[in-house]
Amino acid sequence: MSWFASAESDAAKIEAAVKKEVASLEGHNKVVISEAEAALASVKSTGEAHVAAVVAAAKVAGKALVAKMVADAETAAGVIVAKNVAAAQATAQAAVAAATEAATPAVAAAAGTPAA
């Protein structure tokens, strides 16, 4: 075998080895890409599920908060109305007492009896 033939043979062996390594790397890259795509899909799915759970929890919490705010507002309004009714009753009772006291001498005079 000549020097040139030996070099050609060595070059062919190197080329075959390089092609084999390239094919192996391409196969490995396909596996890595496939695994990365699967991981991305999993993360996306988990993220979407997490967002959906957070939104659902926020809706429930929001409804509960609104219900509590309404109940608190109704309670506060009830307390205010009760205070206003009590104040109005007290004012009316005082007015009736004052009117009765003021009218007592006139009623007594009309009846012909001295006022107390």
N, C-alpha and C. Protein backbone atom coordinates (compact mmCIF):
# COMPACT_ATOMS: atom_id res chain seq x y z
N MET A 1 0.85 -1.16 0.00
CA MET A 1 0.00 0.00 0.00
C MET A 1 0.89 1.22 0.00
N SER A 2 0.46 2.15 -0.78
CA SER A 2 1.29 3.35 -0.89
C SER A 2 0.93 4.34 0.20
N TRP A 3 1.75 5.24 0.31
CA TRP A 3 1.58 6.31 1.30
C TRP A 3 0.26 7.03 1.08
N PHE A 4 -0.08 7.30 -0.18
CA PHE A 4 -1.31 8.00 -0.53
C PHE A 4 -2.53 7.13 -0.20
N ALA A 5 -2.46 5.89 -0.54
CA ALA A 5 -3.57 4.96 -0.28
C ALA A 5 -3.79 4.84 1.23
N SER A 6 -2.71 4.81 1.97
CA SER A 6 -2.80 4.73 3.43
C SER A 6 -3.47 5.98 4.00
N ALA A 7 -3.11 7.15 3.45
CA ALA A 7 -3.68 8.41 3.89
C ALA A 7 -5.18 8.45 3.55
N GLU A 8 -5.52 7.96 2.34
CA GLU A 8 -6.92 7.91 1.95
C GLU A 8 -7.73 7.00 2.87
N SER A 9 -7.14 5.87 3.22
CA SER A 9 -7.80 4.92 4.11
C SER A 9 -8.01 5.55 5.48
N ASP A 10 -6.97 6.22 5.97
CA ASP A 10 -7.08 6.88 7.27
C ASP A 10 -8.16 7.98 7.22
N ALA A 11 -8.19 8.73 6.11
CA ALA A 11 -9.17 9.79 5.95
C ALA A 11 -10.58 9.21 5.91
N ALA A 12 -10.75 8.08 5.25
CA ALA A 12 -12.07 7.45 5.16
C ALA A 12 -12.50 6.96 6.54
N LYS A 13 -11.54 6.42 7.32
CA LYS A 13 -11.86 5.96 8.67
C LYS A 13 -12.25 7.16 9.56
N ILE A 14 -11.51 8.24 9.42
CA ILE A 14 -11.81 9.44 10.20
C ILE A 14 -13.18 9.99 9.80
N GLU A 15 -13.45 10.02 8.50
CA GLU A 15 -14.74 10.52 8.01
C GLU A 15 -15.88 9.66 8.53
N ALA A 16 -15.71 8.36 8.53
CA ALA A 16 -16.74 7.44 9.03
C ALA A 16 -16.95 7.66 10.53
N ALA A 17 -15.86 7.85 11.25
CA ALA A 17 -15.96 8.08 12.70
C ALA A 17 -16.68 9.41 12.98
N VAL A 18 -16.34 10.43 12.19
CA VAL A 18 -16.98 11.74 12.36
C VAL A 18 -18.47 11.62 12.04
N LYS A 19 -18.82 10.94 10.94
CA LYS A 19 -20.23 10.77 10.58
C LYS A 19 -20.98 10.01 11.68
N LYS A 20 -20.33 8.97 12.23
CA LYS A 20 -20.95 8.20 13.30
C LYS A 20 -21.18 9.09 14.53
N GLU A 21 -20.20 9.94 14.88
CA GLU A 21 -20.32 10.84 16.03
C GLU A 21 -21.40 11.89 15.77
N VAL A 22 -21.45 12.43 14.55
CA VAL A 22 -22.48 13.40 14.21
C VAL A 22 -23.87 12.77 14.33
N ALA A 23 -24.03 11.56 13.82
CA ALA A 23 -25.32 10.87 13.92
C ALA A 23 -25.69 10.64 15.39
N SER A 24 -24.70 10.26 16.18
CA SER A 24 -24.95 10.05 17.61
C SER A 24 -25.37 11.35 18.28
N LEU A 25 -24.69 12.45 17.97
CA LEU A 25 -25.03 13.75 18.54
C LEU A 25 -26.41 14.20 18.09
N GLU A 26 -26.72 13.97 16.82
CA GLU A 26 -28.05 14.34 16.32
C GLU A 26 -29.14 13.56 17.05
N GLY A 27 -28.89 12.27 17.26
CA GLY A 27 -29.85 11.45 18.01
C GLY A 27 -29.98 11.95 19.44
N HIS A 28 -28.85 12.27 20.05
CA HIS A 28 -28.87 12.80 21.41
C HIS A 28 -29.61 14.13 21.45
N ASN A 29 -29.35 14.99 20.48
CA ASN A 29 -30.05 16.29 20.41
C ASN A 29 -31.55 16.09 20.28
N LYS A 30 -31.98 15.12 19.47
CA LYS A 30 -33.41 14.86 19.32
C LYS A 30 -34.02 14.43 20.65
N VAL A 31 -33.30 13.59 21.39
CA VAL A 31 -33.79 13.15 22.70
C VAL A 31 -33.87 14.34 23.65
N VAL A 32 -32.82 15.17 23.67
CA VAL A 32 -32.80 16.34 24.56
C VAL A 32 -33.93 17.30 24.19
N ILE A 33 -34.12 17.55 22.91
CA ILE A 33 -35.18 18.45 22.46
C ILE A 33 -36.54 17.87 22.83
N SER A 34 -36.73 16.57 22.63
CA SER A 34 -37.99 15.93 22.98
C SER A 34 -38.25 16.03 24.47
N GLU A 35 -37.22 15.79 25.29
CA GLU A 35 -37.37 15.89 26.74
C GLU A 35 -37.68 17.34 27.15
N ALA A 36 -37.02 18.29 26.51
CA ALA A 36 -37.25 19.70 26.83
C ALA A 36 -38.67 20.10 26.45
N GLU A 37 -39.15 19.64 25.31
CA GLU A 37 -40.52 19.94 24.90
C GLU A 37 -41.53 19.33 25.86
N ALA A 38 -41.26 18.11 26.32
CA ALA A 38 -42.16 17.46 27.28
C ALA A 38 -42.15 18.22 28.60
N ALA A 39 -40.95 18.63 29.03
CA ALA A 39 -40.86 19.39 30.28
C ALA A 39 -41.59 20.72 30.15
N LEU A 40 -41.44 21.38 29.02
CA LEU A 40 -42.13 22.66 28.78
C LEU A 40 -43.64 22.46 28.80
N ALA A 41 -44.11 21.41 28.15
CA ALA A 41 -45.55 21.13 28.14
C ALA A 41 -46.04 20.86 29.56
N SER A 42 -45.24 20.13 30.33
CA SER A 42 -45.61 19.85 31.72
C SER A 42 -45.66 21.12 32.55
N VAL A 43 -44.65 21.97 32.39
CA VAL A 43 -44.62 23.24 33.13
C VAL A 43 -45.80 24.11 32.72
N LYS A 44 -46.08 24.15 31.43
CA LYS A 44 -47.20 24.95 30.94
C LYS A 44 -48.51 24.43 31.52
N SER A 45 -48.69 23.12 31.48
CA SER A 45 -49.91 22.51 32.02
C SER A 45 -50.02 22.77 33.52
N THR A 46 -48.92 22.59 34.23
CA THR A 46 -48.92 22.83 35.68
C THR A 46 -49.19 24.30 35.96
N GLY A 47 -48.57 25.18 35.19
CA GLY A 47 -48.78 26.62 35.36
C GLY A 47 -50.23 27.01 35.10
N GLU A 48 -50.80 26.46 34.04
CA GLU A 48 -52.19 26.76 33.72
C GLU A 48 -53.12 26.24 34.82
N ALA A 49 -52.82 25.04 35.32
CA ALA A 49 -53.64 24.49 36.41
C ALA A 49 -53.49 25.34 37.66
N HIS A 50 -52.28 25.80 37.93
CA HIS A 50 -52.03 26.64 39.11
C HIS A 50 -52.78 27.96 38.98
N VAL A 51 -52.70 28.57 37.81
CA VAL A 51 -53.41 29.83 37.58
C VAL A 51 -54.91 29.62 37.73
N ALA A 52 -55.42 28.54 37.19
CA ALA A 52 -56.85 28.25 37.31
C ALA A 52 -57.24 28.07 38.78
N ALA A 53 -56.38 27.37 39.54
CA ALA A 53 -56.67 27.17 40.97
C ALA A 53 -56.63 28.50 41.73
N VAL A 54 -55.66 29.34 41.39
CA VAL A 54 -55.56 30.64 42.06
C VAL A 54 -56.77 31.51 41.72
N VAL A 55 -57.18 31.50 40.47
CA VAL A 55 -58.36 32.28 40.06
C VAL A 55 -59.61 31.75 40.77
N ALA A 56 -59.75 30.43 40.83
CA ALA A 56 -60.92 29.86 41.51
C ALA A 56 -60.91 30.23 42.99
N ALA A 57 -59.74 30.13 43.62
CA ALA A 57 -59.64 30.49 45.05
C ALA A 57 -59.93 31.98 45.25
N ALA A 58 -59.44 32.80 44.33
CA ALA A 58 -59.70 34.24 44.43
C ALA A 58 -61.19 34.54 44.28
N LYS A 59 -61.86 33.82 43.39
CA LYS A 59 -63.30 34.01 43.22
C LYS A 59 -64.05 33.64 44.50
N VAL A 60 -63.67 32.50 45.08
CA VAL A 60 -64.33 32.06 46.33
C VAL A 60 -64.06 33.06 47.43
N ALA A 61 -62.79 33.46 47.57
CA ALA A 61 -62.43 34.43 48.61
C ALA A 61 -63.13 35.76 48.36
N GLY A 62 -63.21 36.16 47.10
CA GLY A 62 -63.88 37.42 46.74
C GLY A 62 -65.36 37.36 47.09
N LYS A 63 -66.00 36.24 46.79
CA LYS A 63 -67.42 36.10 47.12
C LYS A 63 -67.62 36.13 48.64
N ALA A 64 -66.74 35.45 49.35
CA ALA A 64 -66.84 35.43 50.82
C ALA A 64 -66.62 36.84 51.37
N LEU A 65 -65.66 37.54 50.82
CA LEU A 65 -65.37 38.90 51.28
C LEU A 65 -66.55 39.82 51.00
N VAL A 66 -67.12 39.72 49.81
CA VAL A 66 -68.29 40.55 49.48
C VAL A 66 -69.45 40.21 50.41
N ALA A 67 -69.67 38.92 50.66
CA ALA A 67 -70.76 38.52 51.57
C ALA A 67 -70.52 39.09 52.96
N LYS A 68 -69.28 39.04 53.44
CA LYS A 68 -68.97 39.59 54.76
C LYS A 68 -69.16 41.10 54.77
N MET A 69 -68.73 41.76 53.71
CA MET A 69 -68.90 43.21 53.64
C MET A 69 -70.38 43.58 53.64
N VAL A 70 -71.19 42.83 52.91
CA VAL A 70 -72.62 43.08 52.87
C VAL A 70 -73.22 42.86 54.26
N ALA A 71 -72.83 41.74 54.90
CA ALA A 71 -73.35 41.45 56.24
C ALA A 71 -72.92 42.54 57.23
N ASP A 72 -71.66 42.96 57.14
CA ASP A 72 -71.18 44.03 58.02
C ASP A 72 -71.95 45.33 57.77
N ALA A 73 -72.18 45.62 56.49
CA ALA A 73 -72.92 46.84 56.14
C ALA A 73 -74.36 46.76 56.65
N GLU A 74 -74.96 45.58 56.50
CA GLU A 74 -76.33 45.41 57.00
C GLU A 74 -76.37 45.54 58.52
N THR A 75 -75.38 44.95 59.19
CA THR A 75 -75.31 45.06 60.65
C THR A 75 -75.13 46.51 61.06
N ALA A 76 -74.19 47.19 60.40
CA ALA A 76 -73.95 48.60 60.73
C ALA A 76 -75.21 49.44 60.46
N ALA A 77 -75.85 49.17 59.35
CA ALA A 77 -77.08 49.90 59.04
C ALA A 77 -78.15 49.61 60.08
N GLY A 78 -78.25 48.35 60.50
CA GLY A 78 -79.22 47.99 61.53
C GLY A 78 -78.93 48.70 62.84
N VAL A 79 -77.65 48.78 63.21
CA VAL A 79 -77.27 49.48 64.44
C VAL A 79 -77.61 50.96 64.33
N ILE A 80 -77.32 51.55 63.19
CA ILE A 80 -77.62 52.97 62.98
C ILE A 80 -79.12 53.21 63.05
N VAL A 81 -79.90 52.35 62.38
CA VAL A 81 -81.36 52.50 62.40
C VAL A 81 -81.87 52.33 63.83
N ALA A 82 -81.34 51.32 64.55
CA ALA A 82 -81.78 51.11 65.94
C ALA A 82 -81.46 52.32 66.80
N LYS A 83 -80.27 52.90 66.62
CA LYS A 83 -79.90 54.10 67.38
C LYS A 83 -80.82 55.26 67.02
N ASN A 84 -81.09 55.41 65.72
CA ASN A 84 -81.97 56.50 65.29
C ASN A 84 -83.39 56.31 65.83
N VAL A 85 -83.88 55.07 65.82
CA VAL A 85 -85.22 54.80 66.35
C VAL A 85 -85.23 55.09 67.84
N ALA A 86 -84.20 54.64 68.57
CA ALA A 86 -84.13 54.89 70.01
C ALA A 86 -84.08 56.39 70.29
N ALA A 87 -83.28 57.11 69.51
CA ALA A 87 -83.18 58.56 69.70
C ALA A 87 -84.52 59.23 69.39
N ALA A 88 -85.18 58.77 68.32
CA ALA A 88 -86.48 59.34 67.96
C ALA A 88 -87.51 59.04 69.04
N GLN A 89 -87.47 57.82 69.59
CA GLN A 89 -88.40 57.47 70.67
C GLN A 89 -88.13 58.33 71.90
N ALA A 90 -86.87 58.51 72.23
CA ALA A 90 -86.52 59.33 73.39
C ALA A 90 -86.97 60.77 73.18
N THR A 91 -86.76 61.28 71.96
CA THR A 91 -87.18 62.65 71.65
C THR A 91 -88.70 62.77 71.73
N ALA A 92 -89.39 61.77 71.19
CA ALA A 92 -90.86 61.79 71.22
C ALA A 92 -91.37 61.70 72.65
N GLN A 93 -90.77 60.83 73.45
CA GLN A 93 -91.18 60.71 74.85
C GLN A 93 -90.94 62.01 75.62
N ALA A 94 -89.79 62.64 75.34
CA ALA A 94 -89.49 63.92 76.01
C ALA A 94 -90.49 64.98 75.57
N ALA A 95 -90.84 64.97 74.28
CA ALA A 95 -91.80 65.95 73.77
C ALA A 95 -93.17 65.73 74.40
N VAL A 96 -93.58 64.46 74.51
CA VAL A 96 -94.88 64.14 75.13
C VAL A 96 -94.86 64.57 76.59
N ALA A 97 -93.76 64.29 77.31
CA ALA A 97 -93.65 64.67 78.71
C ALA A 97 -93.70 66.19 78.86
N ALA A 98 -92.99 66.91 77.98
CA ALA A 98 -92.99 68.38 78.04
C ALA A 98 -94.37 68.93 77.72
N ALA A 99 -95.03 68.35 76.73
CA ALA A 99 -96.37 68.81 76.36
C ALA A 99 -97.35 68.52 77.48
N THR A 100 -97.22 67.35 78.09
CA THR A 100 -98.10 67.00 79.21
C THR A 100 -97.90 67.96 80.37
N GLU A 101 -96.63 68.22 80.66
CA GLU A 101 -96.32 69.14 81.76
C GLU A 101 -96.85 70.54 81.47
N ALA A 102 -96.70 70.97 80.22
CA ALA A 102 -97.17 72.30 79.84
C ALA A 102 -98.68 72.36 79.83
N ALA A 103 -99.32 71.28 79.47
CA ALA A 103 -100.79 71.29 79.36
C ALA A 103 -101.48 71.06 80.70
N THR A 104 -100.78 70.54 81.68
CA THR A 104 -101.40 70.21 82.96
C THR A 104 -102.07 71.42 83.61
N PRO A 105 -101.45 72.61 83.70
CA PRO A 105 -102.15 73.74 84.31
C PRO A 105 -103.40 74.15 83.51
N ALA A 106 -103.29 74.08 82.16
CA ALA A 106 -104.44 74.48 81.35
C ALA A 106 -105.58 73.48 81.52
N VAL A 107 -105.26 72.20 81.60
CA VAL A 107 -106.30 71.17 81.79
C VAL A 107 -106.91 71.33 83.16
N ALA A 108 -106.08 71.59 84.15
CA ALA A 108 -106.59 71.77 85.52
C ALA A 108 -107.48 73.00 85.60
N ALA A 109 -107.07 74.06 84.94
CA ALA A 109 -107.87 75.30 84.95
C ALA A 109 -109.20 75.08 84.27
N ALA A 110 -109.16 74.33 83.16
CA ALA A 110 -110.39 74.05 82.43
C ALA A 110 -111.31 73.19 83.27
N ALA A 111 -110.73 72.31 84.05
CA ALA A 111 -111.54 71.40 84.87
C ALA A 111 -111.97 72.09 86.16
N GLY A 112 -111.38 73.23 86.44
CA GLY A 112 -111.73 73.96 87.64
C GLY A 112 -111.00 73.48 88.88
N THR A 113 -109.93 72.73 88.71
CA THR A 113 -109.16 72.28 89.88
C THR A 113 -107.81 72.93 89.82
N PRO A 114 -107.23 73.23 90.99
CA PRO A 114 -105.91 73.87 90.96
C PRO A 114 -104.84 72.86 90.50
N ALA A 115 -103.86 73.37 89.74
CA ALA A 115 -102.75 72.52 89.27
C ALA A 115 -101.85 72.20 90.41
N ALA A 116 -101.24 71.03 90.37
CA ALA A 116 -100.37 70.60 91.46
C ALA A 116 -99.05 71.33 91.42
